PDB file of N, CA and C in Angstrom:
ATOM      1  N   MET A   1      38.888  58.090 -30.399  1.00  0.00           N
ATOM      2  CA  MET A   1      37.689  58.865 -30.723  1.00  0.00           C
ATOM      3  C   MET A   1      37.962  60.348 -30.553  1.00  0.00           C
ATOM      4  N   GLU A   2      37.438  61.285 -31.404  1.00  0.00           N
ATOM      5  CA  GLU A   2      37.545  62.695 -31.386  1.00  0.00           C
ATOM      6  C   GLU A   2      35.956  63.211 -30.660  1.00  0.00           C
ATOM      7  N   GLU A   3      36.114  64.299 -30.264  1.00  0.00           N
ATOM      8  CA  GLU A   3      34.897  65.132 -29.632  1.00  0.00           C
ATOM      9  C   GLU A   3      35.133  66.612 -29.592  1.00  0.00           C
ATOM     10  N   GLU A   4      34.395  67.253 -29.618  1.00  0.00           N
ATOM     11  CA  GLU A   4      34.533  68.445 -29.821  1.00  0.00           C
ATOM     12  C   GLU A   4      33.779  69.159 -28.000  1.00  0.00           C
ATOM     13  N   TYR A   5      34.618  70.007 -27.654  1.00  0.00           N
ATOM     14  CA  TYR A   5      34.200  70.361 -26.362  1.00  0.00           C
ATOM     15  C   TYR A   5      34.325  71.971 -26.380  1.00  0.00           C
ATOM     16  N   GLU A   6      33.508  72.777 -25.378  1.00  0.00           N
ATOM     17  CA  GLU A   6      33.877  74.229 -25.068  1.00  0.00           C
ATOM     18  C   GLU A   6      35.118  74.449 -24.163  1.00  0.00           C
ATOM     19  N   GLY A   7      35.904  75.106 -24.528  1.00  0.00           N
ATOM     20  CA  GLY A   7      37.675  75.315 -24.002  1.00  0.00           C
ATOM     21  C   GLY A   7      37.230  76.436 -23.112  1.00  0.00           C
ATOM     22  N   GLN A   8      38.427  76.591 -22.256  1.00  0.00           N
ATOM     23  CA  GLN A   8      38.422  77.680 -21.251  1.00  0.00           C
ATOM     24  C   GLN A   8      38.165  79.209 -21.882  1.00  0.00           C
ATOM     25  N   ALA A   9      38.776  79.423 -23.199  1.00  0.00           N
ATOM     26  CA  ALA A   9      38.277  80.935 -23.637  1.00  0.00           C
ATOM     27  C   ALA A   9      36.960  80.762 -24.241  1.00  0.00           C
ATOM     28  N   GLY A  10      36.161  79.839 -24.313  1.00  0.00           N
ATOM     29  CA  GLY A  10      34.792  79.686 -24.825  1.00  0.00           C
ATOM     30  C   GLY A  10      34.908  79.463 -26.367  1.00  0.00           C
ATOM     31  N   LYS A  11      36.074  79.027 -26.611  1.00  0.00           N
ATOM     32  CA  LYS A  11      35.844  78.499 -28.319  1.00  0.00           C
ATOM     33  C   LYS A  11      35.717  77.126 -28.112  1.00  0.00           C
ATOM     34  N   LYS A  12      35.462  76.393 -29.090  1.00  0.00           N
ATOM     35  CA  LYS A  12      35.277  75.184 -29.210  1.00  0.00           C
ATOM     36  C   LYS A  12      36.692  74.412 -29.755  1.00  0.00           C
ATOM     37  N   GLN A  13      37.011  73.406 -28.981  1.00  0.00           N
ATOM     38  CA  GLN A  13      38.346  72.527 -29.160  1.00  0.00           C
ATOM     39  C   GLN A  13      37.911  71.077 -29.479  1.00  0.00           C
ATOM     40  N   ARG A  14      39.055  70.647 -30.083  1.00  0.00           N
ATOM     41  CA  ARG A  14      38.979  68.959 -30.188  1.00  0.00           C
ATOM     42  C   ARG A  14      39.708  68.175 -28.901  1.00  0.00           C
ATOM     43  N   VAL A  15      39.087  67.577 -28.721  1.00  0.00           N
ATOM     44  CA  VAL A  15      39.831  66.259 -27.632  1.00  0.00           C
ATOM     45  C   VAL A  15      39.648  65.200 -28.370  1.00  0.00           C
ATOM     46  N   GLU A  16      40.556  64.153 -27.804  1.00  0.00           N
ATOM     47  CA  GLU A  16      41.047  62.834 -28.616  1.00  0.00           C
ATOM     48  C   GLU A  16      41.020  62.230 -27.434  1.00  0.00           C
ATOM     49  N   PHE A  17      40.456  60.960 -27.293  1.00  0.00           N
ATOM     50  CA  PHE A  17      40.272  60.294 -26.112  1.00  0.00           C
ATOM     51  C   PHE A  17      41.262  58.700 -26.781  1.00  0.00           C
ATOM     52  N   GLU A  18      42.202  58.446 -25.899  1.00  0.00           N
ATOM     53  CA  GLU A  18      42.961  57.102 -26.187  1.00  0.00           C
ATOM     54  C   GLU A  18      42.680  56.270 -24.891  1.00  0.00           C
ATOM     55  N   THR A  19      42.224  55.179 -25.054  1.00  0.00           N
ATOM     56  CA  THR A  19      41.748  54.042 -24.089  1.00  0.00           C
ATOM     57  C   THR A  19      43.618  53.492 -24.199  1.00  0.00           C
ATOM     58  N   ILE A  20      44.057  53.531 -22.682  1.00  0.00           N
ATOM     59  CA  ILE A  20      45.487  52.920 -22.591  1.00  0.00           C
ATOM     60  C   ILE A  20      45.336  51.567 -22.162  1.00  0.00           C
ATOM     61  N   SER A  21      44.240  51.047 -21.026  1.00  0.00           N
ATOM     62  CA  SER A  21      44.057  49.746 -20.728  1.00  0.00           C
ATOM     63  C   SER A  21      42.607  49.514 -20.265  1.00  0.00           C
ATOM     64  N   ALA A  22      41.954  48.628 -20.355  1.00  0.00           N
ATOM     65  CA  ALA A  22      40.486  48.489 -20.297  1.00  0.00           C
ATOM     66  C   ALA A  22      40.308  47.116 -19.594  1.00  0.00           C
ATOM     67  N   GLU A  23      39.040  46.776 -18.658  1.00  0.00           N
ATOM     68  CA  GLU A  23      38.881  45.409 -18.129  1.00  0.00           C
ATOM     69  C   GLU A  23      37.386  45.352 -18.279  1.00  0.00           C
ATOM     70  N   LYS A  24      36.439  44.083 -18.733  1.00  0.00           N
ATOM     71  CA  LYS A  24      35.130  44.050 -18.681  1.00  0.00           C
ATOM     72  C   LYS A  24      35.080  43.023 -17.708  1.00  0.00           C
ATOM     73  N   LYS A  25      33.623  43.296 -16.941  1.00  0.00           N
ATOM     74  CA  LYS A  25      33.128  42.150 -16.474  1.00  0.00           C
ATOM     75  C   LYS A  25      31.617  42.205 -16.659  1.00  0.00           C
ATOM     76  N   PRO A  26      31.125  40.868 -17.570  1.00  0.00           N
ATOM     77  CA  PRO A  26      29.986  40.612 -17.912  1.00  0.00           C
ATOM     78  C   PRO A  26      28.866  40.345 -16.315  1.00  0.00           C
ATOM     79  N   PHE A  27      27.818  40.604 -16.387  1.00  0.00           N
ATOM     80  CA  PHE A  27      26.743  40.395 -15.362  1.00  0.00           C
ATOM     81  C   PHE A  27      25.480  40.570 -16.102  1.00  0.00           C
ATOM     82  N   GLY A  28      24.066  40.008 -15.427  1.00  0.00           N
ATOM     83  CA  GLY A  28      23.029  39.810 -16.138  1.00  0.00           C
ATOM     84  C   GLY A  28      23.063  38.869 -17.192  1.00  0.00           C
ATOM     85  N   LYS A  29      22.147  39.111 -18.082  1.00  0.00           N
ATOM     86  CA  LYS A  29      21.930  38.801 -19.335  1.00  0.00           C
ATOM     87  C   LYS A  29      22.605  39.290 -20.569  1.00  0.00           C
ATOM     88  N   ASN A  30      22.791  40.583 -20.613  1.00  0.00           N
ATOM     89  CA  ASN A  30      23.557  41.071 -21.514  1.00  0.00           C
ATOM     90  C   ASN A  30      24.221  42.215 -21.587  1.00  0.00           C
ATOM     91  N   ASN A  31      24.621  42.112 -19.967  1.00  0.00           N
ATOM     92  CA  ASN A  31      25.340  43.805 -19.872  1.00  0.00           C
ATOM     93  C   ASN A  31      27.029  43.613 -18.953  1.00  0.00           C
ATOM     94  N   PHE A  32      27.412  44.642 -18.905  1.00  0.00           N
ATOM     95  CA  PHE A  32      29.025  44.707 -18.523  1.00  0.00           C
ATOM     96  C   PHE A  32      29.057  45.940 -18.427  1.00  0.00           C
ATOM     97  N   ILE A  33      30.379  45.749 -17.013  1.00  0.00           N
ATOM     98  CA  ILE A  33      31.018  47.130 -16.415  1.00  0.00           C
ATOM     99  C   ILE A  33      31.991  47.003 -16.945  1.00  0.00           C
ATOM    100  N   GLU A  34      32.857  48.524 -17.486  1.00  0.00           N
ATOM    101  CA  GLU A  34      34.334  48.458 -18.057  1.00  0.00           C
ATOM    102  C   GLU A  34      34.863  49.316 -17.012  1.00  0.00           C
ATOM    103  N   VAL A  35      36.143  49.047 -16.714  1.00  0.00           N
ATOM    104  CA  VAL A  35      36.608  50.063 -15.802  1.00  0.00           C
ATOM    105  C   VAL A  35      38.007  50.362 -16.573  1.00  0.00           C
ATOM    106  N   ALA A  36      38.314  51.490 -17.404  1.00  0.00           N
ATOM    107  CA  ALA A  36      39.227  51.800 -18.048  1.00  0.00           C
ATOM    108  C   ALA A  36      40.489  53.070 -17.400  1.00  0.00           C
ATOM    109  N   ARG A  37      41.656  52.931 -17.942  1.00  0.00           N
ATOM    110  CA  ARG A  37      42.539  54.298 -17.958  1.00  0.00           C
ATOM    111  C   ARG A  37      42.669  54.422 -19.291  1.00  0.00           C
ATOM    112  N   LYS A  38      42.003  55.943 -19.316  1.00  0.00           N
ATOM    113  CA  LYS A  38      42.218  56.676 -20.701  1.00  0.00           C
ATOM    114  C   LYS A  38      42.980  58.115 -20.498  1.00  0.00           C
ATOM    115  N   LYS A  39      43.146  58.607 -21.847  1.00  0.00           N
ATOM    116  CA  LYS A  39      44.071  59.780 -21.912  1.00  0.00           C
ATOM    117  C   LYS A  39      42.817  60.564 -22.654  1.00  0.00           C
ATOM    118  N   ALA A  40      43.237  62.072 -22.176  1.00  0.00           N
ATOM    119  CA  ALA A  40      42.357  62.833 -23.160  1.00  0.00           C
ATOM    120  C   ALA A  40      43.256  63.745 -23.552  1.00  0.00           C
ATOM    121  N   LYS A  41      43.276  64.213 -24.929  1.00  0.00           N
ATOM    122  CA  LYS A  41      44.646  64.835 -25.833  1.00  0.00           C
ATOM    123  C   LYS A  41      43.651  66.266 -26.191  1.00  0.00           C
ATOM    124  N   THR A  42      44.476  67.296 -25.708  1.00  0.00           N
ATOM    125  CA  THR A  42      43.763  68.598 -26.375  1.00  0.00           C
ATOM    126  C   THR A  42      44.630  69.439 -26.733  1.00  0.00           C
ATOM    127  N   GLU A  43      44.720  70.510 -27.292  1.00  0.00           N
ATOM    128  CA  GLU A  43      45.688  71.812 -27.659  1.00  0.00           C
ATOM    129  C   GLU A  43      46.294  72.393 -26.255  1.00  0.00           C
ATOM    130  N   GLU A  44      45.666  71.955 -25.231  1.00  0.00           N
ATOM    131  CA  GLU A  44      45.926  72.556 -24.012  1.00  0.00           C
ATOM    132  C   GLU A  44      46.954  71.651 -23.360  1.00  0.00           C
ATOM    133  N   GLY A  45      46.682  70.413 -23.602  1.00  0.00           N
ATOM    134  CA  GLY A  45      47.693  69.247 -23.009  1.00  0.00           C
ATOM    135  C   GLY A  45      47.043  67.891 -22.929  1.00  0.00           C
ATOM    136  N   THR A  46      47.388  67.199 -21.704  1.00  0.00           N
ATOM    137  CA  THR A  46      46.714  65.679 -21.924  1.00  0.00           C
ATOM    138  C   THR A  46      46.465  65.340 -20.321  1.00  0.00           C
ATOM    139  N   ASN A  47      45.558  64.792 -20.336  1.00  0.00           N
ATOM    140  CA  ASN A  47      44.810  64.608 -19.062  1.00  0.00           C
ATOM    141  C   ASN A  47      44.527  62.852 -18.952  1.00  0.00           C
ATOM    142  N   GLU A  48      45.268  62.130 -18.002  1.00  0.00           N
ATOM    143  CA  GLU A  48      44.855  60.940 -17.664  1.00  0.00           C
ATOM    144  C   GLU A  48      43.623  60.684 -16.898  1.00  0.00           C
ATOM    145  N   PHE A  49      42.681  59.615 -16.975  1.00  0.00           N
ATOM    146  CA  PHE A  49      41.497  59.498 -15.914  1.00  0.00           C
ATOM    147  C   PHE A  49      40.940  57.951 -15.838  1.00  0.00           C
ATOM    148  N   ILE A  50      40.265  57.668 -15.187  1.00  0.00           N
ATOM    149  CA  ILE A  50      39.756  56.465 -14.713  1.00  0.00           C
ATOM    150  C   ILE A  50      38.254  56.602 -15.166  1.00  0.00           C
ATOM    151  N   SER A  51      37.834  55.668 -16.416  1.00  0.00           N
ATOM    152  CA  SER A  51      36.254  55.754 -16.556  1.00  0.00           C
ATOM    153  C   SER A  51      35.704  54.329 -16.368  1.00  0.00           C
ATOM    154  N   VAL A  52      34.629  54.733 -15.704  1.00  0.00           N
ATOM    155  CA  VAL A  52      33.856  53.476 -15.207  1.00  0.00           C
ATOM    156  C   VAL A  52      32.579  53.216 -15.841  1.00  0.00           C
ATOM    157  N   SER A  53      32.244  52.646 -16.929  1.00  0.00           N
ATOM    158  CA  SER A  53      31.086  52.476 -17.627  1.00  0.00           C
ATOM    159  C   SER A  53      30.247  51.219 -17.600  1.00  0.00           C
ATOM    160  N   ARG A  54      28.862  51.757 -17.792  1.00  0.00           N
ATOM    161  CA  ARG A  54      28.018  50.507 -17.830  1.00  0.00           C
ATOM    162  C   ARG A  54      27.778  50.290 -19.603  1.00  0.00           C
ATOM    163  N   GLY A  55      27.486  49.199 -19.951  1.00  0.00           N
ATOM    164  CA  GLY A  55      27.270  48.969 -21.507  1.00  0.00           C
ATOM    165  C   GLY A  55      26.330  47.560 -21.371  1.00  0.00           C
ATOM    166  N   TYR A  56      25.918  47.366 -22.544  1.00  0.00           N
ATOM    167  CA  TYR A  56      25.381  46.031 -23.220  1.00  0.00           C
ATOM    168  C   TYR A  56      25.621  45.734 -24.307  1.00  0.00           C
ATOM    169  N   TYR A  57      25.381  44.540 -24.689  1.00  0.00           N
ATOM    170  CA  TYR A  57      25.758  43.840 -26.102  1.00  0.00           C
ATOM    171  C   TYR A  57      24.500  43.789 -27.133  1.00  0.00           C
ATOM    172  N   LEU A  58      24.644  43.879 -28.164  1.00  0.00           N
ATOM    173  CA  LEU A  58      23.591  44.256 -28.952  1.00  0.00           C
ATOM    174  C   LEU A  58      23.299  42.467 -29.807  1.00  0.00           C
ATOM    175  N   PRO A  59      22.289  42.266 -30.369  1.00  0.00           N
ATOM    176  CA  PRO A  59      22.477  41.094 -30.945  1.00  0.00           C
ATOM    177  C   PRO A  59      23.281  40.527 -31.782  1.00  0.00           C
ATOM    178  N   ASP A  60      24.221  41.516 -32.408  1.00  0.00           N
ATOM    179  CA  ASP A  60      25.160  41.000 -33.565  1.00  0.00           C
ATOM    180  C   ASP A  60      26.749  40.965 -32.577  1.00  0.00           C
ATOM    181  N   GLY A  61      26.615  40.942 -31.099  1.00  0.00           N
ATOM    182  CA  GLY A  61      27.767  41.313 -30.350  1.00  0.00           C
ATOM    183  C   GLY A  61      28.649  42.152 -30.174  1.00  0.00           C
ATOM    184  N   SER A  62      28.037  43.345 -30.949  1.00  0.00           N
ATOM    185  CA  SER A  62      29.042  44.844 -30.753  1.00  0.00           C
ATOM    186  C   SER A  62      28.376  45.447 -29.483  1.00  0.00           C
ATOM    187  N   GLU A  63      28.792  46.285 -28.859  1.00  0.00           N
ATOM    188  CA  GLU A  63      28.561  46.866 -27.760  1.00  0.00           C
ATOM    189  C   GLU A  63      27.955  48.399 -27.527  1.00  0.00           C
ATOM    190  N   ARG A  64      27.430  48.528 -26.664  1.00  0.00           N
ATOM    191  CA  ARG A  64      26.657  49.808 -26.741  1.00  0.00           C
ATOM    192  C   ARG A  64      27.082  50.523 -25.262  1.00  0.00           C
ATOM    193  N   PHE A  65      27.260  51.666 -24.694  1.00  0.00           N
ATOM    194  CA  PHE A  65      27.515  52.142 -23.442  1.00  0.00           C
ATOM    195  C   PHE A  65      26.254  53.057 -23.328  1.00  0.00           C
ATOM    196  N   LYS A  66      25.892  53.088 -22.045  1.00  0.00           N
ATOM    197  CA  LYS A  66      24.729  53.464 -21.259  1.00  0.00           C
ATOM    198  C   LYS A  66      25.107  54.680 -20.695  1.00  0.00           C
ATOM    199  N   ARG A  67      25.879  54.478 -19.693  1.00  0.00           N
ATOM    200  CA  ARG A  67      26.463  55.722 -18.755  1.00  0.00           C
ATOM    201  C   ARG A  67      27.989  55.448 -18.452  1.00  0.00           C
ATOM    202  N   SER A  68      28.341  56.481 -18.107  1.00  0.00           N
ATOM    203  CA  SER A  68      29.834  56.611 -17.464  1.00  0.00           C
ATOM    204  C   SER A  68      30.060  57.569 -16.539  1.00  0.00           C
ATOM    205  N   ILE A  69      31.468  57.275 -15.880  1.00  0.00           N
ATOM    206  CA  ILE A  69      31.464  58.134 -14.804  1.00  0.00           C
ATOM    207  C   ILE A  69      33.123  58.440 -14.748  1.00  0.00           C
ATOM    208  N   THR A  70      33.571  59.343 -14.561  1.00  0.00           N
ATOM    209  CA  THR A  70      35.032  59.583 -14.722  1.00  0.00           C
ATOM    210  C   THR A  70      35.661  59.983 -13.445  1.00  0.00           C
ATOM    211  N   ILE A  71      36.846  59.284 -13.139  1.00  0.00           N
ATOM    212  CA  ILE A  71      37.309  59.751 -11.855  1.00  0.00           C
ATOM    213  C   ILE A  71      39.014  60.267 -12.179  1.00  0.00           C
ATOM    214  N   PRO A  72      39.087  61.380 -11.451  1.00  0.00           N
ATOM    215  CA  PRO A  72      40.624  62.027 -11.494  1.00  0.00           C
ATOM    216  C   PRO A  72      41.810  60.739 -11.195  1.00  0.00           C
ATOM    217  N   ASP A  73      42.822  60.710 -12.067  1.00  0.00           N
ATOM    218  CA  ASP A  73      44.106  60.063 -11.838  1.00  0.00           C
ATOM    219  C   ASP A  73      44.444  60.516 -10.536  1.00  0.00           C
ATOM    220  N   ASP A  74      44.224  60.496  -9.303  1.00  0.00           N
ATOM    221  CA  ASP A  74      44.561  61.148  -8.169  1.00  0.00           C
ATOM    222  C   ASP A  74      44.691  60.045  -6.945  1.00  0.00           C
ATOM    223  N   ALA A  75      45.565  59.318  -6.443  1.00  0.00           N
ATOM    224  CA  ALA A  75      45.643  58.210  -5.529  1.00  0.00           C
ATOM    225  C   ALA A  75      44.795  58.507  -4.356  1.00  0.00           C
ATOM    226  N   ALA A  76      44.529  59.612  -3.897  1.00  0.00           N
ATOM    227  CA  ALA A  76      43.728  59.791  -2.611  1.00  0.00           C
ATOM    228  C   ALA A  76      41.923  59.643  -3.092  1.00  0.00           C
ATOM    229  N   ILE A  77      42.199  60.205  -4.268  1.00  0.00           N
ATOM    230  CA  ILE A  77      40.535  59.730  -4.840  1.00  0.00           C
ATOM    231  C   ILE A  77      40.057  58.618  -5.227  1.00  0.00           C
ATOM    232  N   LYS A  78      41.219  57.853  -6.024  1.00  0.00           N
ATOM    233  CA  LYS A  78      40.658  56.636  -6.181  1.00  0.00           C
ATOM    234  C   LYS A  78      40.781  55.744  -5.017  1.00  0.00           C
ATOM    235  N   GLU A  79      41.398  55.678  -3.899  1.00  0.00           N
ATOM    236  CA  GLU A  79      41.361  54.867  -2.737  1.00  0.00           C
ATOM    237  C   GLU A  79      40.109  55.295  -2.010  1.00  0.00           C
ATOM    238  N   PHE A  80      39.817  56.603  -1.864  1.00  0.00           N
ATOM    239  CA  PHE A  80      38.704  56.850  -1.497  1.00  0.00           C
ATOM    240  C   PHE A  80      37.382  55.996  -2.129  1.00  0.00           C
ATOM    241  N   VAL A  81      37.222  56.148  -3.524  1.00  0.00           N
ATOM    242  CA  VAL A  81      36.224  55.489  -4.142  1.00  0.00           C
ATOM    243  C   VAL A  81      36.451  53.983  -3.903  1.00  0.00           C
ATOM    244  N   ALA A  82      37.528  53.358  -4.061  1.00  0.00           N
ATOM    245  CA  ALA A  82      37.505  52.134  -3.802  1.00  0.00           C
ATOM    246  C   ALA A  82      36.973  51.624  -2.510  1.00  0.00           C
ATOM    247  N   GLU A  83      37.483  52.362  -1.540  1.00  0.00           N
ATOM    248  CA  GLU A  83      37.116  52.031  -0.209  1.00  0.00           C
ATOM    249  C   GLU A  83      35.454  52.169   0.162  1.00  0.00           C
ATOM    250  N   LYS A  84      35.021  53.207  -0.590  1.00  0.00           N
ATOM    251  CA  LYS A  84      33.676  53.325  -0.338  1.00  0.00           C
ATOM    252  C   LYS A  84      32.498  52.235  -0.772  1.00  0.00           C
ATOM    253  N   ILE A  85      33.136  51.753  -2.157  1.00  0.00           N
ATOM    254  CA  ILE A  85      32.550  50.670  -2.960  1.00  0.00           C
ATOM    255  C   ILE A  85      32.252  49.192  -1.928  1.00  0.00           C
ATOM    256  N   LYS A  86      33.766  49.434  -1.499  1.00  0.00           N
ATOM    257  CA  LYS A  86      33.868  48.104  -0.591  1.00  0.00           C
ATOM    258  C   LYS A  86      33.038  48.193   0.515  1.00  0.00           C
ATOM    259  N   SER A  87      32.803  49.039   0.956  1.00  0.00           N
ATOM    260  CA  SER A  87      32.054  49.111   2.644  1.00  0.00           C
ATOM    261  C   SER A  87      30.622  49.365   2.262  1.00  0.00           C
ATOM    262  N   MET A  88      30.220  49.394   1.204  1.00  0.00           N
ATOM    263  CA  MET A  88      28.602  49.529   0.974  1.00  0.00           C
ATOM    264  C   MET A  88      28.084  48.583   0.639  1.00  0.00           C
TER     265      MET A  88
END
């Protein structure tokens, strides 16, 4: 998937997203949570991150995503988020 964003110099650049791995957990009638490891590629380099997304299934079985949060691929941040989720 490709998107455009405004880079550091203020000019528009392309970013290509690649899903490395993903797992989904259905809940409710039509909803799911997806946790995925993704890679963003730009002219400036690549960046890996974790994406947590909420989505739903359409009547034809296709998926739509509502919201997403990205977490840096940093061990301390991932541990912090995991601990806080478990303790709440």
